[in-house]
């Protein structure tokens, strides 16, 4: 798995988890969904996400497309 795919996986899991928590416990959990969305939006423009450092430290590699640039 690459860092890029790991970020998509992590974002999807967090969004689904926060929507579920908002449904069963409190609508305030949707703030977490908004945070993930804003983070994905800024990473689209900057090509950097805080989770990238964590995933790289766990041993995930960048995709071949990004490493050739």
PDB file of N, CA and C in Angstrom:
ATOM      1  N   UNK A   1       0.844  -1.169   0.000  1.00  0.00           N
ATOM      2  CA  UNK A   1       0.000   0.000   0.000  1.00  0.00           C
ATOM      3  C   UNK A   1       0.893   1.238   0.000  1.00  0.00           C
ATOM      4  N   UNK A   2       0.470   2.250  -0.719  1.00  0.00           N
ATOM      5  CA  UNK A   2       1.221   3.497  -0.793  1.00  0.00           C
ATOM      6  C   UNK A   2       0.664   4.515   0.201  1.00  0.00           C
ATOM      7  N   UNK A   3       1.413   5.585   0.412  1.00  0.00           N
ATOM      8  CA  UNK A   3       0.984   6.659   1.302  1.00  0.00           C
ATOM      9  C   UNK A   3      -0.325   7.262   0.798  1.00  0.00           C
ATOM     10  N   UNK A   4      -0.441   7.465  -0.495  1.00  0.00           N
ATOM     11  CA  UNK A   4      -1.636   8.084  -1.063  1.00  0.00           C
ATOM     12  C   UNK A   4      -2.877   7.222  -0.819  1.00  0.00           C
ATOM     13  N   UNK A   5      -2.736   5.929  -1.011  1.00  0.00           N
ATOM     14  CA  UNK A   5      -3.871   5.031  -0.765  1.00  0.00           C
ATOM     15  C   UNK A   5      -4.169   4.941   0.728  1.00  0.00           C
ATOM     16  N   UNK A   6      -3.138   4.991   1.547  1.00  0.00           N
ATOM     17  CA  UNK A   6      -3.325   4.964   2.992  1.00  0.00           C
ATOM     18  C   UNK A   6      -4.087   6.183   3.498  1.00  0.00           C
ATOM     19  N   UNK A   7      -3.800   7.348   2.915  1.00  0.00           N
ATOM     20  CA  UNK A   7      -4.513   8.566   3.302  1.00  0.00           C
ATOM     21  C   UNK A   7      -5.984   8.460   2.933  1.00  0.00           C
ATOM     22  N   UNK A   8      -6.267   7.950   1.741  1.00  0.00           N
ATOM     23  CA  UNK A   8      -7.673   7.769   1.336  1.00  0.00           C
ATOM     24  C   UNK A   8      -8.387   6.794   2.266  1.00  0.00           C
ATOM     25  N   UNK A   9      -7.708   5.713   2.626  1.00  0.00           N
ATOM     26  CA  UNK A   9      -8.289   4.721   3.528  1.00  0.00           C
ATOM     27  C   UNK A   9      -8.560   5.335   4.898  1.00  0.00           C
ATOM     28  N   UNK A  10      -7.579   6.035   5.434  1.00  0.00           N
ATOM     29  CA  UNK A  10      -7.721   6.660   6.745  1.00  0.00           C
ATOM     30  C   UNK A  10      -8.850   7.693   6.742  1.00  0.00           C
ATOM     31  N   UNK A  11      -8.912   8.531   5.711  1.00  0.00           N
ATOM     32  CA  UNK A  11      -9.964   9.549   5.629  1.00  0.00           C
ATOM     33  C   UNK A  11     -11.343   8.898   5.547  1.00  0.00           C
ATOM     34  N   UNK A  12     -11.472   7.856   4.747  1.00  0.00           N
ATOM     35  CA  UNK A  12     -12.753   7.170   4.629  1.00  0.00           C
ATOM     36  C   UNK A  12     -13.204   6.546   5.926  1.00  0.00           C
ATOM     37  N   UNK A  13     -12.287   5.914   6.635  1.00  0.00           N
ATOM     38  CA  UNK A  13     -12.621   5.290   7.918  1.00  0.00           C
ATOM     39  C   UNK A  13     -13.044   6.347   8.939  1.00  0.00           C
ATOM     40  N   UNK A  14     -12.311   7.453   9.000  1.00  0.00           N
ATOM     41  CA  UNK A  14     -12.643   8.497   9.969  1.00  0.00           C
ATOM     42  C   UNK A  14     -13.996   9.130   9.644  1.00  0.00           C
ATOM     43  N   UNK A  15     -14.281   9.376   8.370  1.00  0.00           N
ATOM     44  CA  UNK A  15     -15.572   9.957   7.987  1.00  0.00           C
ATOM     45  C   UNK A  15     -16.709   9.013   8.355  1.00  0.00           C
ATOM     46  N   UNK A  16     -16.581   7.740   8.005  1.00  0.00           N
ATOM     47  CA  UNK A  16     -17.642   6.788   8.339  1.00  0.00           C
ATOM     48  C   UNK A  16     -17.822   6.644   9.849  1.00  0.00           C
ATOM     49  N   UNK A  17     -16.729   6.634  10.585  1.00  0.00           N
ATOM     50  CA  UNK A  17     -16.797   6.534  12.035  1.00  0.00           C
ATOM     51  C   UNK A  17     -17.485   7.755  12.638  1.00  0.00           C
ATOM     52  N   UNK A  18     -17.119   8.946  12.176  1.00  0.00           N
ATOM     53  CA  UNK A  18     -17.711  10.156  12.762  1.00  0.00           C
ATOM     54  C   UNK A  18     -19.180  10.300  12.389  1.00  0.00           C
ATOM     55  N   UNK A  19     -19.569   9.887  11.190  1.00  0.00           N
ATOM     56  CA  UNK A  19     -20.988   9.928  10.823  1.00  0.00           C
ATOM     57  C   UNK A  19     -21.775   8.944  11.683  1.00  0.00           C
ATOM     58  N   UNK A  20     -21.214   7.775  11.922  1.00  0.00           N
ATOM     59  CA  UNK A  20     -21.880   6.797  12.786  1.00  0.00           C
ATOM     60  C   UNK A  20     -22.005   7.321  14.210  1.00  0.00           C
ATOM     61  N   UNK A  21     -20.944   7.911  14.729  1.00  0.00           N
ATOM     62  CA  UNK A  21     -20.995   8.470  16.081  1.00  0.00           C
ATOM     63  C   UNK A  21     -21.986   9.626  16.165  1.00  0.00           C
ATOM     64  N   UNK A  22     -22.076  10.429  15.109  1.00  0.00           N
ATOM     65  CA  UNK A  22     -23.046  11.529  15.089  1.00  0.00           C
ATOM     66  C   UNK A  22     -24.473  10.989  15.084  1.00  0.00           C
ATOM     67  N   UNK A  23     -24.681   9.908  14.384  1.00  0.00           N
ATOM     68  CA  UNK A  23     -26.023   9.316  14.327  1.00  0.00           C
ATOM     69  C   UNK A  23     -26.439   8.749  15.673  1.00  0.00           C
ATOM     70  N   UNK A  24     -25.535   8.044  16.348  1.00  0.00           N
ATOM     71  CA  UNK A  24     -25.888   7.356  17.577  1.00  0.00           C
ATOM     72  C   UNK A  24     -25.680   8.167  18.851  1.00  0.00           C
ATOM     73  N   UNK A  25     -24.782   9.148  18.840  1.00  0.00           N
ATOM     74  CA  UNK A  25     -24.468   9.837  20.091  1.00  0.00           C
ATOM     75  C   UNK A  25     -24.720  11.336  20.057  1.00  0.00           C
ATOM     76  N   UNK A  26     -24.013  12.059  19.203  1.00  0.00           N
ATOM     77  CA  UNK A  26     -24.133  13.517  19.200  1.00  0.00           C
ATOM     78  C   UNK A  26     -23.778  14.074  17.820  1.00  0.00           C
ATOM     79  N   UNK A  27     -24.551  15.035  17.348  1.00  0.00           N
ATOM     80  CA  UNK A  27     -24.228  15.646  16.053  1.00  0.00           C
ATOM     81  C   UNK A  27     -22.895  16.392  16.038  1.00  0.00           C
ATOM     82  N   UNK A  28     -22.360  16.669  17.206  1.00  0.00           N
ATOM     83  CA  UNK A  28     -21.060  17.345  17.277  1.00  0.00           C
ATOM     84  C   UNK A  28     -19.942  16.508  16.666  1.00  0.00           C
ATOM     85  N   UNK A  29     -20.141  15.194  16.503  1.00  0.00           N
ATOM     86  CA  UNK A  29     -19.130  14.357  15.867  1.00  0.00           C
ATOM     87  C   UNK A  29     -18.935  14.730  14.404  1.00  0.00           C
ATOM     88  N   UNK A  30     -19.890  15.453  13.821  1.00  0.00           N
ATOM     89  CA  UNK A  30     -19.749  15.883  12.424  1.00  0.00           C
ATOM     90  C   UNK A  30     -18.636  16.919  12.252  1.00  0.00           C
ATOM     91  N   UNK A  31     -18.210  17.518  13.354  1.00  0.00           N
ATOM     92  CA  UNK A  31     -17.055  18.428  13.304  1.00  0.00           C
ATOM     93  C   UNK A  31     -15.821  17.662  12.841  1.00  0.00           C
ATOM     94  N   UNK A  32     -15.688  16.419  13.265  1.00  0.00           N
ATOM     95  CA  UNK A  32     -14.562  15.586  12.827  1.00  0.00           C
ATOM     96  C   UNK A  32     -14.634  15.334  11.321  1.00  0.00           C
ATOM     97  N   UNK A  33     -15.824  15.100  10.804  1.00  0.00           N
ATOM     98  CA  UNK A  33     -15.999  14.925   9.367  1.00  0.00           C
ATOM     99  C   UNK A  33     -15.594  16.193   8.620  1.00  0.00           C
ATOM    100  N   UNK A  34     -16.001  17.348   9.139  1.00  0.00           N
ATOM    101  CA  UNK A  34     -15.627  18.623   8.513  1.00  0.00           C
ATOM    102  C   UNK A  34     -14.115  18.821   8.547  1.00  0.00           C
ATOM    103  N   UNK A  35     -13.470  18.447   9.647  1.00  0.00           N
ATOM    104  CA  UNK A  35     -12.019  18.577   9.744  1.00  0.00           C
ATOM    105  C   UNK A  35     -11.321  17.716   8.696  1.00  0.00           C
ATOM    106  N   UNK A  36     -11.786  16.492   8.522  1.00  0.00           N
ATOM    107  CA  UNK A  36     -11.192  15.606   7.521  1.00  0.00           C
ATOM    108  C   UNK A  36     -11.392  16.189   6.122  1.00  0.00           C
ATOM    109  N   UNK A  37     -12.582  16.709   5.851  1.00  0.00           N
ATOM    110  CA  UNK A  37     -12.852  17.316   4.545  1.00  0.00           C
ATOM    111  C   UNK A  37     -11.966  18.524   4.275  1.00  0.00           C
ATOM    112  N   UNK A  38     -11.805  19.386   5.267  1.00  0.00           N
ATOM    113  CA  UNK A  38     -10.935  20.552   5.102  1.00  0.00           C
ATOM    114  C   UNK A  38      -9.483  20.142   4.912  1.00  0.00           C
ATOM    115  N   UNK A  39      -9.052  19.118   5.627  1.00  0.00           N
ATOM    116  CA  UNK A  39      -7.684  18.632   5.492  1.00  0.00           C
ATOM    117  C   UNK A  39      -7.451  18.062   4.093  1.00  0.00           C
ATOM    118  N   UNK A  40      -8.425  17.320   3.566  1.00  0.00           N
ATOM    119  CA  UNK A  40      -8.300  16.796   2.207  1.00  0.00           C
ATOM    120  C   UNK A  40      -8.277  17.927   1.186  1.00  0.00           C
ATOM    121  N   UNK A  41      -9.077  18.958   1.417  1.00  0.00           N
ATOM    122  CA  UNK A  41      -9.108  20.103   0.510  1.00  0.00           C
ATOM    123  C   UNK A  41      -7.762  20.822   0.483  1.00  0.00           C
ATOM    124  N   UNK A  42      -7.191  21.077   1.650  1.00  0.00           N
ATOM    125  CA  UNK A  42      -5.892  21.763   1.668  1.00  0.00           C
ATOM    126  C   UNK A  42      -4.796  20.879   1.092  1.00  0.00           C
ATOM    127  N   UNK A  43      -4.893  19.572   1.280  1.00  0.00           N
ATOM    128  CA  UNK A  43      -3.855  18.696   0.730  1.00  0.00           C
ATOM    129  C   UNK A  43      -3.946  18.602  -0.796  1.00  0.00           C
ATOM    130  N   UNK A  44      -5.112  18.869  -1.348  1.00  0.00           N
ATOM    131  CA  UNK A  44      -5.239  18.887  -2.804  1.00  0.00           C
ATOM    132  C   UNK A  44      -4.439  20.042  -3.401  1.00  0.00           C
ATOM    133  N   UNK A  45      -4.327  21.140  -2.671  1.00  0.00           N
ATOM    134  CA  UNK A  45      -3.594  22.298  -3.174  1.00  0.00           C
ATOM    135  C   UNK A  45      -2.118  22.287  -2.787  1.00  0.00           C
ATOM    136  N   UNK A  46      -1.789  21.721  -1.618  1.00  0.00           N
ATOM    137  CA  UNK A  46      -0.411  21.777  -1.139  1.00  0.00           C
ATOM    138  C   UNK A  46       0.348  20.474  -1.338  1.00  0.00           C
ATOM    139  N   UNK A  47      -0.370  19.388  -1.646  1.00  0.00           N
ATOM    140  CA  UNK A  47       0.221  18.060  -1.785  1.00  0.00           C
ATOM    141  C   UNK A  47       0.924  17.625  -0.501  1.00  0.00           C
ATOM    142  N   UNK A  48       0.390  18.060   0.640  1.00  0.00           N
ATOM    143  CA  UNK A  48       0.921  17.676   1.937  1.00  0.00           C
ATOM    144  C   UNK A  48      -0.226  17.493   2.908  1.00  0.00           C
ATOM    145  N   UNK A  49      -0.119  16.481   3.733  1.00  0.00           N
ATOM    146  CA  UNK A  49      -1.127  16.175   4.735  1.00  0.00           C
ATOM    147  C   UNK A  49      -0.392  15.691   5.983  1.00  0.00           C
ATOM    148  N   UNK A  50      -0.823  16.088   7.172  1.00  0.00           N
ATOM    149  CA  UNK A  50      -0.136  15.630   8.384  1.00  0.00           C
ATOM    150  C   UNK A  50      -0.070  14.106   8.500  1.00  0.00           C
ATOM    151  N   UNK A  51      -1.065  13.423   7.978  1.00  0.00           N
ATOM    152  CA  UNK A  51      -1.069  11.960   8.060  1.00  0.00           C
ATOM    153  C   UNK A  51       0.037  11.343   7.208  1.00  0.00           C
ATOM    154  N   UNK A  52       0.551  12.093   6.232  1.00  0.00           N
ATOM    155  CA  UNK A  52       1.623  11.553   5.377  1.00  0.00           C
ATOM    156  C   UNK A  52       2.858  11.203   6.205  1.00  0.00           C
ATOM    157  N   UNK A  53       3.206  12.066   7.155  1.00  0.00           N
ATOM    158  CA  UNK A  53       4.374  11.801   7.993  1.00  0.00           C
ATOM    159  C   UNK A  53       4.180  10.538   8.818  1.00  0.00           C
ATOM    160  N   UNK A  54       2.973  10.381   9.353  1.00  0.00           N
ATOM    161  CA  UNK A  54       2.680   9.212  10.183  1.00  0.00           C
ATOM    162  C   UNK A  54       2.737   7.935   9.348  1.00  0.00           C
ATOM    163  N   UNK A  55       2.118   7.970   8.169  1.00  0.00           N
ATOM    164  CA  UNK A  55       2.098   6.783   7.319  1.00  0.00           C
ATOM    165  C   UNK A  55       3.494   6.428   6.808  1.00  0.00           C
ATOM    166  N   UNK A  56       4.304   7.442   6.503  1.00  0.00           N
ATOM    167  CA  UNK A  56       5.682   7.168   6.071  1.00  0.00           C
ATOM    168  C   UNK A  56       6.496   6.571   7.217  1.00  0.00           C
ATOM    169  N   UNK A  57       6.261   7.043   8.436  1.00  0.00           N
ATOM    170  CA  UNK A  57       7.002   6.482   9.573  1.00  0.00           C
ATOM    171  C   UNK A  57       6.577   5.046   9.858  1.00  0.00           C
ATOM    172  N   UNK A  58       5.374   4.667   9.395  1.00  0.00           N
ATOM    173  CA  UNK A  58       4.906   3.286   9.543  1.00  0.00           C
ATOM    174  C   UNK A  58       5.438   2.391   8.431  1.00  0.00           C
ATOM    175  N   UNK A  59       6.178   2.975   7.472  1.00  0.00           N
ATOM    176  CA  UNK A  59       6.813   2.177   6.439  1.00  0.00           C
ATOM    177  C   UNK A  59       6.150   2.216   5.080  1.00  0.00           C
ATOM    178  N   UNK A  60       5.083   2.995   4.915  1.00  0.00           N
ATOM    179  CA  UNK A  60       4.451   3.089   3.606  1.00  0.00           C
ATOM    180  C   UNK A  60       5.305   3.942   2.685  1.00  0.00           C
ATOM    181  N   UNK A  61       5.336   3.586   1.429  1.00  0.00           N
ATOM    182  CA  UNK A  61       6.138   4.301   0.432  1.00  0.00           C
ATOM    183  C   UNK A  61       5.250   5.190  -0.430  1.00  0.00           C
ATOM    184  N   UNK A  62       5.860   6.225  -1.013  1.00  0.00           N
ATOM    185  CA  UNK A  62       5.149   7.060  -1.969  1.00  0.00           C
ATOM    186  C   UNK A  62       4.905   6.283  -3.249  1.00  0.00           C
ATOM    187  N   UNK A  63       3.897   6.709  -4.002  1.00  0.00           N
ATOM    188  CA  UNK A  63       3.620   6.028  -5.268  1.00  0.00           C
ATOM    189  C   UNK A  63       4.748   6.283  -6.264  1.00  0.00           C
ATOM    190  N   UNK A  64       4.874   5.433  -7.270  1.00  0.00           N
ATOM    191  CA  UNK A  64       5.937   5.563  -8.264  1.00  0.00           C
ATOM    192  C   UNK A  64       5.796   6.849  -9.064  1.00  0.00           C
ATOM    193  N   UNK A  65       4.586   7.310  -9.263  1.00  0.00           N
ATOM    194  CA  UNK A  65       4.355   8.544 -10.025  1.00  0.00           C
ATOM    195  C   UNK A  65       4.962   9.733  -9.309  1.00  0.00           C
ATOM    196  N   UNK A  66       4.753   9.829  -8.010  1.00  0.00           N
ATOM    197  CA  UNK A  66       5.262  10.966  -7.249  1.00  0.00           C
ATOM    198  C   UNK A  66       6.775  10.903  -7.068  1.00  0.00           C
ATOM    199  N   UNK A  67       7.340   9.722  -6.949  1.00  0.00           N
ATOM    200  CA  UNK A  67       8.771   9.621  -6.676  1.00  0.00           C
ATOM    201  C   UNK A  67       9.614   9.901  -7.924  1.00  0.00           C
ATOM    202  N   UNK A  68       9.018   9.908  -9.122  1.00  0.00           N
ATOM    203  CA  UNK A  68       9.780  10.189 -10.327  1.00  0.00           C
ATOM    204  C   UNK A  68       9.802  11.658 -10.671  1.00  0.00           C
ATOM    205  N   UNK A  69       9.019  12.463  -9.985  1.00  0.00           N
ATOM    206  CA  UNK A  69       8.969  13.912 -10.281  1.00  0.00           C
ATOM    207  C   UNK A  69      10.124  14.633  -9.675  1.00  0.00           C
TER     208      UNK A  69
END
